[in-house]
């Protein structure tokens, strides 16, 4: 690995941002499941997929960006990490949209 101090600082900074997305995902999943329990609704398979994606996407994006930026210059790495955070934010926005449309996540009769 040819990462210098600046590269590791970059990894740490964007790692903290993506860790926040994981924490946010935990809150989204627990909130959605709590709403389902209060309304006596069972999650659909697509609902589980949405919730699992919200938890796993930041972790997968972090690993992919970490491996992709191993031998890149610092400025190119910044671009890749910004793109990684954007992808994670888009996945998080997908879950926020699912909040407004509960029949996507839960089997509502």
N, C-alpha and C. Protein backbone atom coordinates (compact mmCIF):
# COMPACT_ATOMS: atom_id res chain seq x y z
N UNK A 1 0.83 -1.18 0.00
CA UNK A 1 0.00 0.00 0.00
C UNK A 1 0.87 1.24 0.00
N UNK A 2 0.56 2.15 -0.87
CA UNK A 2 1.33 3.38 -0.98
C UNK A 2 0.60 4.57 -0.36
N UNK A 3 -0.20 4.34 0.65
CA UNK A 3 -0.93 5.42 1.29
C UNK A 3 -0.02 6.13 2.27
N UNK A 4 0.03 7.45 2.14
CA UNK A 4 0.78 8.24 3.10
C UNK A 4 -0.13 8.68 4.24
N UNK A 5 0.36 9.59 5.04
CA UNK A 5 -0.41 10.09 6.17
C UNK A 5 -1.69 10.78 5.67
N UNK A 6 -1.58 11.56 4.61
CA UNK A 6 -2.75 12.24 4.05
C UNK A 6 -3.80 11.26 3.57
N UNK A 7 -3.37 10.17 2.98
CA UNK A 7 -4.29 9.15 2.50
C UNK A 7 -5.04 8.48 3.64
N UNK A 8 -4.34 8.21 4.74
CA UNK A 8 -4.99 7.58 5.89
C UNK A 8 -5.92 8.55 6.61
N UNK A 9 -5.55 9.83 6.62
CA UNK A 9 -6.47 10.83 7.19
C UNK A 9 -7.74 10.89 6.36
N UNK A 10 -7.59 10.82 5.04
CA UNK A 10 -8.73 10.80 4.14
C UNK A 10 -9.62 9.58 4.40
N UNK A 11 -9.00 8.42 4.56
CA UNK A 11 -9.75 7.19 4.84
C UNK A 11 -10.51 7.33 6.16
N UNK A 12 -9.84 7.88 7.17
CA UNK A 12 -10.48 8.04 8.48
C UNK A 12 -11.66 9.01 8.40
N UNK A 13 -11.47 10.13 7.72
CA UNK A 13 -12.54 11.13 7.61
C UNK A 13 -13.76 10.56 6.92
N UNK A 14 -13.56 9.96 5.75
CA UNK A 14 -14.71 9.41 5.02
C UNK A 14 -15.24 8.15 5.69
N UNK A 15 -14.38 7.43 6.41
CA UNK A 15 -14.84 6.29 7.19
C UNK A 15 -15.81 6.72 8.29
N UNK A 16 -15.52 7.86 8.93
CA UNK A 16 -16.44 8.37 9.94
C UNK A 16 -17.77 8.79 9.31
N UNK A 17 -17.73 9.38 8.13
CA UNK A 17 -18.97 9.75 7.45
C UNK A 17 -19.81 8.52 7.11
N UNK A 18 -19.14 7.48 6.63
CA UNK A 18 -19.87 6.27 6.28
C UNK A 18 -20.31 5.51 7.53
N UNK A 19 -19.56 5.61 8.62
CA UNK A 19 -19.99 5.00 9.88
C UNK A 19 -21.26 5.69 10.38
N UNK A 20 -21.35 7.00 10.16
CA UNK A 20 -22.57 7.72 10.52
C UNK A 20 -23.75 7.20 9.71
N UNK A 21 -23.52 6.88 8.44
CA UNK A 21 -24.59 6.32 7.61
C UNK A 21 -25.04 4.95 8.13
N UNK A 22 -24.09 4.15 8.63
CA UNK A 22 -24.46 2.86 9.21
C UNK A 22 -25.32 3.09 10.45
N UNK A 23 -24.90 4.03 11.30
CA UNK A 23 -25.66 4.34 12.51
C UNK A 23 -27.07 4.85 12.15
N UNK A 24 -27.13 5.67 11.13
CA UNK A 24 -28.42 6.15 10.64
C UNK A 24 -29.27 4.99 10.13
N UNK A 25 -28.64 4.05 9.46
CA UNK A 25 -29.35 2.86 8.96
C UNK A 25 -29.91 2.03 10.09
N UNK A 26 -29.15 1.89 11.18
CA UNK A 26 -29.65 1.16 12.34
C UNK A 26 -30.89 1.85 12.89
N UNK A 27 -30.84 3.17 12.96
CA UNK A 27 -32.01 3.92 13.42
C UNK A 27 -33.20 3.77 12.50
N UNK A 28 -32.95 3.78 11.18
CA UNK A 28 -34.04 3.61 10.21
C UNK A 28 -34.68 2.23 10.34
N UNK A 29 -33.85 1.20 10.44
CA UNK A 29 -34.37 -0.16 10.53
C UNK A 29 -35.16 -0.34 11.82
N UNK A 30 -34.60 0.09 12.93
CA UNK A 30 -35.33 -0.09 14.19
C UNK A 30 -36.61 0.74 14.21
N UNK A 31 -36.58 1.93 13.64
CA UNK A 31 -37.79 2.76 13.57
C UNK A 31 -38.86 2.14 12.70
N UNK A 32 -38.46 1.63 11.54
CA UNK A 32 -39.44 1.01 10.65
C UNK A 32 -40.05 -0.24 11.27
N UNK A 33 -39.21 -1.06 11.90
CA UNK A 33 -39.74 -2.27 12.53
C UNK A 33 -40.64 -1.94 13.71
N UNK A 34 -40.31 -0.88 14.44
CA UNK A 34 -41.15 -0.47 15.56
C UNK A 34 -42.52 0.02 15.07
N UNK A 35 -42.52 0.77 13.97
CA UNK A 35 -43.79 1.20 13.38
C UNK A 35 -44.60 -0.02 12.93
N UNK A 36 -43.92 -0.98 12.32
CA UNK A 36 -44.61 -2.19 11.90
C UNK A 36 -45.22 -2.95 13.06
N UNK A 37 -44.49 -3.03 14.18
CA UNK A 37 -45.03 -3.71 15.36
C UNK A 37 -46.22 -2.97 15.93
N UNK A 38 -46.15 -1.65 15.96
CA UNK A 38 -47.26 -0.86 16.51
C UNK A 38 -48.51 -0.99 15.64
N UNK A 39 -48.33 -1.10 14.34
CA UNK A 39 -49.47 -1.23 13.43
C UNK A 39 -49.82 -2.68 13.14
N UNK A 40 -49.11 -3.62 13.78
CA UNK A 40 -49.30 -5.05 13.59
C UNK A 40 -49.15 -5.45 12.12
N UNK A 41 -48.04 -4.99 11.50
CA UNK A 41 -47.75 -5.28 10.10
C UNK A 41 -46.47 -6.10 10.00
N UNK A 42 -46.44 -7.00 9.03
CA UNK A 42 -45.26 -7.81 8.79
C UNK A 42 -44.50 -7.27 7.57
N UNK A 43 -43.17 -7.17 7.66
CA UNK A 43 -42.40 -6.70 6.50
C UNK A 43 -42.49 -7.68 5.33
N UNK A 44 -42.57 -7.14 4.14
CA UNK A 44 -42.54 -7.93 2.92
C UNK A 44 -41.08 -8.27 2.60
N UNK A 45 -40.84 -9.24 1.71
CA UNK A 45 -39.46 -9.54 1.32
C UNK A 45 -38.73 -8.32 0.73
N UNK A 46 -39.42 -7.53 -0.06
CA UNK A 46 -38.78 -6.33 -0.61
C UNK A 46 -38.48 -5.33 0.50
N UNK A 47 -39.31 -5.32 1.52
CA UNK A 47 -39.05 -4.46 2.67
C UNK A 47 -37.79 -4.85 3.41
N UNK A 48 -37.60 -6.17 3.58
CA UNK A 48 -36.36 -6.63 4.21
C UNK A 48 -35.15 -6.28 3.35
N UNK A 49 -35.31 -6.35 2.03
CA UNK A 49 -34.22 -5.99 1.13
C UNK A 49 -33.86 -4.51 1.27
N UNK A 50 -34.88 -3.66 1.35
CA UNK A 50 -34.65 -2.22 1.52
C UNK A 50 -33.93 -1.95 2.84
N UNK A 51 -34.38 -2.58 3.90
CA UNK A 51 -33.78 -2.36 5.22
C UNK A 51 -32.36 -2.91 5.29
N UNK A 52 -32.13 -4.09 4.72
CA UNK A 52 -30.79 -4.67 4.72
C UNK A 52 -29.83 -3.85 3.86
N UNK A 53 -30.32 -3.34 2.75
CA UNK A 53 -29.48 -2.50 1.89
C UNK A 53 -29.08 -1.22 2.61
N UNK A 54 -29.99 -0.68 3.40
CA UNK A 54 -29.68 0.53 4.15
C UNK A 54 -28.56 0.29 5.15
N UNK A 55 -28.51 -0.91 5.72
CA UNK A 55 -27.46 -1.23 6.68
C UNK A 55 -26.14 -1.60 6.00
N UNK A 56 -26.21 -2.35 4.92
CA UNK A 56 -25.01 -2.92 4.32
C UNK A 56 -24.33 -2.01 3.29
N UNK A 57 -25.08 -1.13 2.67
CA UNK A 57 -24.51 -0.30 1.60
C UNK A 57 -23.32 0.54 2.06
N UNK A 58 -23.39 1.24 3.21
CA UNK A 58 -22.22 2.03 3.61
C UNK A 58 -20.97 1.17 3.86
N UNK A 59 -21.17 -0.02 4.39
CA UNK A 59 -20.03 -0.91 4.66
C UNK A 59 -19.41 -1.38 3.34
N UNK A 60 -20.26 -1.80 2.42
CA UNK A 60 -19.77 -2.28 1.11
C UNK A 60 -19.08 -1.13 0.36
N UNK A 61 -19.68 0.04 0.39
CA UNK A 61 -19.11 1.20 -0.29
C UNK A 61 -17.75 1.54 0.31
N UNK A 62 -17.63 1.47 1.63
CA UNK A 62 -16.35 1.75 2.29
C UNK A 62 -15.27 0.78 1.84
N UNK A 63 -15.58 -0.51 1.83
CA UNK A 63 -14.60 -1.52 1.44
C UNK A 63 -14.19 -1.34 -0.02
N UNK A 64 -15.16 -1.10 -0.88
CA UNK A 64 -14.86 -0.91 -2.31
C UNK A 64 -13.98 0.33 -2.51
N UNK A 65 -14.32 1.43 -1.85
CA UNK A 65 -13.53 2.65 -1.99
C UNK A 65 -12.13 2.48 -1.40
N UNK A 66 -12.04 1.76 -0.29
CA UNK A 66 -10.73 1.52 0.33
C UNK A 66 -9.83 0.72 -0.60
N UNK A 67 -10.39 -0.31 -1.22
CA UNK A 67 -9.60 -1.11 -2.15
C UNK A 67 -9.29 -0.37 -3.44
N UNK A 68 -10.25 0.43 -3.90
CA UNK A 68 -10.06 1.14 -5.18
C UNK A 68 -9.03 2.25 -5.07
N UNK A 69 -8.87 2.84 -3.90
CA UNK A 69 -7.97 3.99 -3.75
C UNK A 69 -6.59 3.61 -3.22
N UNK A 70 -6.27 2.34 -3.20
CA UNK A 70 -4.98 1.91 -2.65
C UNK A 70 -3.80 2.56 -3.34
N UNK A 71 -3.81 2.60 -4.64
CA UNK A 71 -2.64 3.09 -5.39
C UNK A 71 -2.91 4.40 -6.12
N UNK A 72 -3.98 5.10 -5.76
CA UNK A 72 -4.34 6.34 -6.44
C UNK A 72 -3.64 7.53 -5.79
N UNK A 73 -3.58 8.60 -6.56
CA UNK A 73 -3.08 9.84 -5.99
C UNK A 73 -4.11 10.37 -4.98
N UNK A 74 -3.68 11.30 -4.16
CA UNK A 74 -4.54 11.82 -3.10
C UNK A 74 -5.78 12.51 -3.68
N UNK A 75 -5.60 13.31 -4.72
CA UNK A 75 -6.73 14.06 -5.27
C UNK A 75 -7.73 13.15 -5.98
N UNK A 76 -7.24 12.14 -6.64
CA UNK A 76 -8.15 11.18 -7.27
C UNK A 76 -8.89 10.37 -6.19
N UNK A 77 -8.20 10.08 -5.10
CA UNK A 77 -8.83 9.38 -3.99
C UNK A 77 -9.95 10.21 -3.38
N UNK A 78 -9.76 11.51 -3.28
CA UNK A 78 -10.80 12.40 -2.75
C UNK A 78 -12.06 12.27 -3.60
N UNK A 79 -11.90 12.26 -4.90
CA UNK A 79 -13.06 12.14 -5.80
C UNK A 79 -13.77 10.81 -5.60
N UNK A 80 -13.01 9.73 -5.48
CA UNK A 80 -13.61 8.41 -5.27
C UNK A 80 -14.36 8.36 -3.95
N UNK A 81 -13.77 8.93 -2.89
CA UNK A 81 -14.43 8.92 -1.58
C UNK A 81 -15.69 9.78 -1.57
N UNK A 82 -15.66 10.91 -2.26
CA UNK A 82 -16.87 11.74 -2.35
C UNK A 82 -17.97 10.97 -3.09
N UNK A 83 -17.60 10.29 -4.14
CA UNK A 83 -18.57 9.47 -4.87
C UNK A 83 -19.12 8.36 -3.97
N UNK A 84 -18.26 7.76 -3.14
CA UNK A 84 -18.71 6.70 -2.23
C UNK A 84 -19.74 7.22 -1.23
N UNK A 85 -19.48 8.42 -0.69
CA UNK A 85 -20.43 9.00 0.26
C UNK A 85 -21.74 9.35 -0.44
N UNK A 86 -21.66 9.81 -1.68
CA UNK A 86 -22.88 10.12 -2.45
C UNK A 86 -23.71 8.86 -2.69
N UNK A 87 -23.06 7.76 -3.03
CA UNK A 87 -23.78 6.51 -3.25
C UNK A 87 -24.47 6.07 -1.96
N UNK A 88 -23.76 6.17 -0.85
CA UNK A 88 -24.36 5.81 0.43
C UNK A 88 -25.54 6.72 0.78
N UNK A 89 -25.43 8.00 0.47
CA UNK A 89 -26.53 8.93 0.74
C UNK A 89 -27.74 8.63 -0.14
N UNK A 90 -27.52 8.23 -1.37
CA UNK A 90 -28.63 7.89 -2.26
C UNK A 90 -29.37 6.67 -1.74
N UNK A 91 -28.63 5.68 -1.27
CA UNK A 91 -29.28 4.49 -0.70
C UNK A 91 -30.07 4.88 0.55
N UNK A 92 -29.51 5.75 1.38
CA UNK A 92 -30.23 6.22 2.55
C UNK A 92 -31.49 6.99 2.18
N UNK A 93 -31.43 7.75 1.12
CA UNK A 93 -32.62 8.49 0.66
C UNK A 93 -33.70 7.53 0.18
N UNK A 94 -33.29 6.39 -0.36
CA UNK A 94 -34.26 5.38 -0.78
C UNK A 94 -35.09 4.90 0.40
N UNK A 95 -34.46 4.73 1.55
CA UNK A 95 -35.17 4.28 2.73
C UNK A 95 -36.10 5.39 3.24
N UNK A 96 -35.65 6.63 3.16
CA UNK A 96 -36.51 7.75 3.58
C UNK A 96 -37.75 7.80 2.69
N UNK A 97 -37.59 7.53 1.40
CA UNK A 97 -38.75 7.48 0.51
C UNK A 97 -39.66 6.32 0.87
N UNK A 98 -39.09 5.22 1.34
CA UNK A 98 -39.91 4.07 1.74
C UNK A 98 -40.76 4.42 2.97
N UNK A 99 -40.26 5.34 3.80
CA UNK A 99 -41.05 5.77 4.97
C UNK A 99 -42.36 6.39 4.53
N UNK A 100 -42.33 7.13 3.43
CA UNK A 100 -43.55 7.80 2.98
C UNK A 100 -44.50 6.86 2.24
N UNK A 101 -44.03 5.68 1.95
CA UNK A 101 -44.84 4.70 1.21
C UNK A 101 -44.73 3.36 1.94
N UNK A 102 -45.40 3.22 3.06
CA UNK A 102 -45.25 2.05 3.93
C UNK A 102 -45.65 0.75 3.26
N UNK A 103 -46.49 0.80 2.22
CA UNK A 103 -46.88 -0.46 1.58
C UNK A 103 -45.75 -1.09 0.79
N UNK A 104 -44.66 -0.36 0.57
CA UNK A 104 -43.48 -0.95 -0.07
C UNK A 104 -42.79 -1.88 0.92
N UNK A 105 -42.71 -1.46 2.18
CA UNK A 105 -41.98 -2.21 3.18
C UNK A 105 -42.86 -3.25 3.86
N UNK A 106 -44.11 -2.90 4.15
CA UNK A 106 -44.98 -3.78 4.91
C UNK A 106 -46.14 -4.30 4.06
N UNK A 107 -46.60 -5.47 4.42
CA UNK A 107 -47.75 -6.07 3.74
C UNK A 107 -49.02 -5.47 4.33
N UNK A 108 -49.56 -4.48 3.66
CA UNK A 108 -50.77 -3.79 4.14
C UNK A 108 -51.95 -4.31 3.33
N UNK A 109 -52.97 -4.81 4.04
CA UNK A 109 -54.17 -5.29 3.36
C UNK A 109 -55.26 -4.27 3.43
